[in-house]
Protein backbone atom coordinates (compact mmCIF):
# COMPACT_ATOMS: atom_id res chain seq x y z
CA UNK A 1 -38.23 -169.11 30.43
CA UNK A 2 -35.69 -167.06 28.56
CA UNK A 3 -32.01 -167.92 28.96
CA UNK A 4 -31.31 -164.85 31.08
CA UNK A 5 -34.20 -165.81 33.39
CA UNK A 6 -32.77 -169.30 33.75
CA UNK A 7 -29.40 -167.81 34.71
CA UNK A 8 -31.08 -165.69 37.41
CA UNK A 9 -32.92 -168.79 38.65
CA UNK A 10 -29.66 -170.77 38.68
CA UNK A 11 -28.01 -168.05 40.79
CA UNK A 12 -30.89 -168.03 43.28
CA UNK A 13 -30.85 -171.81 43.61
CA UNK A 14 -27.11 -172.05 44.10
CA UNK A 15 -27.05 -169.16 46.58
CA UNK A 16 -29.69 -171.08 48.55
CA UNK A 17 -27.40 -174.13 48.36
CA UNK A 18 -24.76 -172.08 50.16
CA UNK A 19 -27.21 -171.27 52.95
CA UNK A 20 -28.15 -174.95 53.20
CA UNK A 21 -24.47 -175.95 53.39
CA UNK A 22 -23.75 -173.41 56.10
CA UNK A 23 -26.82 -174.57 58.05
CA UNK A 24 -25.87 -178.23 57.62
CA UNK A 25 -29.23 -178.84 55.93
CA UNK A 26 -28.23 -181.70 53.64
CA UNK A 27 -31.76 -182.69 52.62
CA UNK A 28 -32.47 -179.12 51.55
CA UNK A 29 -29.14 -178.96 49.72
CA UNK A 30 -29.96 -182.16 47.82
CA UNK A 31 -33.35 -180.79 46.72
CA UNK A 32 -31.67 -177.60 45.57
CA UNK A 33 -29.02 -179.60 43.73
CA UNK A 34 -31.76 -181.40 41.79
CA UNK A 35 -33.35 -178.04 40.89
CA UNK A 36 -29.95 -176.69 39.80
CA UNK A 37 -29.46 -179.69 37.52
CA UNK A 38 -32.92 -179.17 36.00
CA UNK A 39 -31.94 -175.61 35.07
CA UNK A 40 -28.59 -176.81 33.71
CA UNK A 41 -30.28 -179.50 31.61
CA UNK A 42 -32.75 -176.96 30.27
CA UNK A 43 -29.88 -174.67 29.23
CA UNK A 44 -27.98 -177.60 27.74
CA UNK A 45 -30.99 -178.59 25.65
CA UNK A 46 -31.38 -175.15 24.13
CA UNK A 47 -29.94 -174.62 20.63
CA UNK A 48 -26.17 -174.20 20.86
CA UNK A 49 -26.01 -175.45 24.47
CA UNK A 50 -26.81 -172.30 26.40
CA UNK A 51 -24.94 -173.34 29.55
CA UNK A 52 -22.29 -170.86 28.41
CA UNK A 53 -24.66 -168.15 29.68
CA UNK A 54 -23.64 -169.25 33.19
CA UNK A 55 -20.21 -167.67 32.58
CA UNK A 56 -21.87 -164.42 33.62
CA UNK A 57 -21.97 -165.86 37.16
CA UNK A 58 -18.19 -166.37 37.44
CA UNK A 59 -17.99 -163.01 39.25
CA UNK A 60 -21.13 -163.40 41.35
CA UNK A 61 -20.61 -162.29 44.99
CA UNK A 62 -21.50 -165.78 46.27
CA UNK A 63 -18.72 -168.38 45.95
CA UNK A 64 -21.17 -171.30 45.68
CA UNK A 65 -22.82 -169.65 42.69
CA UNK A 66 -19.41 -169.15 41.06
CA UNK A 67 -18.33 -172.72 41.71
CA UNK A 68 -21.47 -174.39 40.42
CA UNK A 69 -21.49 -172.16 37.33
CA UNK A 70 -17.86 -173.08 36.61
CA UNK A 71 -18.41 -176.80 37.15
CA UNK A 72 -21.44 -176.86 34.88
CA UNK A 73 -19.68 -174.96 32.10
CA UNK A 74 -16.66 -177.27 31.96
CA UNK A 75 -18.12 -179.07 28.93
CA UNK A 76 -18.62 -175.87 26.93
CA UNK A 77 -15.72 -173.60 27.97
CA UNK A 78 -13.32 -176.04 29.59
CA UNK A 79 -10.20 -173.85 29.89
CA UNK A 80 -12.03 -170.84 31.28
CA UNK A 81 -14.10 -172.97 33.65
CA UNK A 82 -11.02 -174.82 34.90
CA UNK A 83 -9.22 -171.54 35.61
CA UNK A 84 -12.22 -170.40 37.66
CA UNK A 85 -12.29 -173.67 39.60
CA UNK A 86 -8.53 -173.41 40.22
CA UNK A 87 -8.98 -169.87 41.55
CA UNK A 88 -11.72 -171.05 43.91
CA UNK A 89 -9.56 -173.96 45.10
CA UNK A 90 -6.71 -171.52 45.80
CA UNK A 91 -8.97 -169.09 47.65
CA UNK A 92 -9.24 -171.26 50.79
CA UNK A 93 -12.90 -170.15 50.98
CA UNK A 94 -14.52 -173.14 52.68
CA UNK A 95 -16.38 -175.26 51.85
CA UNK A 96 -16.20 -174.26 48.17
CA UNK A 97 -12.40 -174.37 47.95
CA UNK A 98 -12.47 -177.99 49.10
CA UNK A 99 -15.17 -178.88 46.59
CA UNK A 100 -13.20 -177.12 43.84
CA UNK A 101 -10.03 -179.00 44.78
CA UNK A 102 -11.84 -182.33 44.64
CA UNK A 103 -13.33 -181.40 41.29
CA UNK A 104 -9.84 -180.70 39.90
CA UNK A 105 -8.50 -183.95 41.33
CA UNK A 106 -11.36 -185.92 39.77
CA UNK A 107 -10.87 -184.15 36.43
CA UNK A 108 -7.15 -184.90 36.43
CA UNK A 109 -7.71 -188.56 37.33
CA UNK A 110 -10.37 -188.94 34.63
CA UNK A 111 -13.04 -189.78 37.19
CA UNK A 112 -15.12 -186.72 36.26
CA UNK A 113 -15.76 -186.19 32.56
CA UNK A 114 -17.93 -183.15 31.84
CA UNK A 115 -20.70 -183.67 29.31
């Protein structure tokens, strides 16, 4: 798949994660998480680490898509990704704002180290 196709796939997977979260379908969410990570790893393995292509999703209409794109670009565009995560945490848009807040806390404590 081309990079732009992987970005579209990532958006579809993470939007489906949002539906699974809202429906309290944790098994489905976990399967989707694994698929999301496969796409992320594929982008990471491309020459130049193509995860930066996920920046295009920072303004996606779905907050879950935005959050996952920001979290998975922390290693390649840390300042920009952190600002996006901070904006989501401040938005009070649940459950993503809570997830974003925990991500920031774990970053600040050194528990989460993006690679």
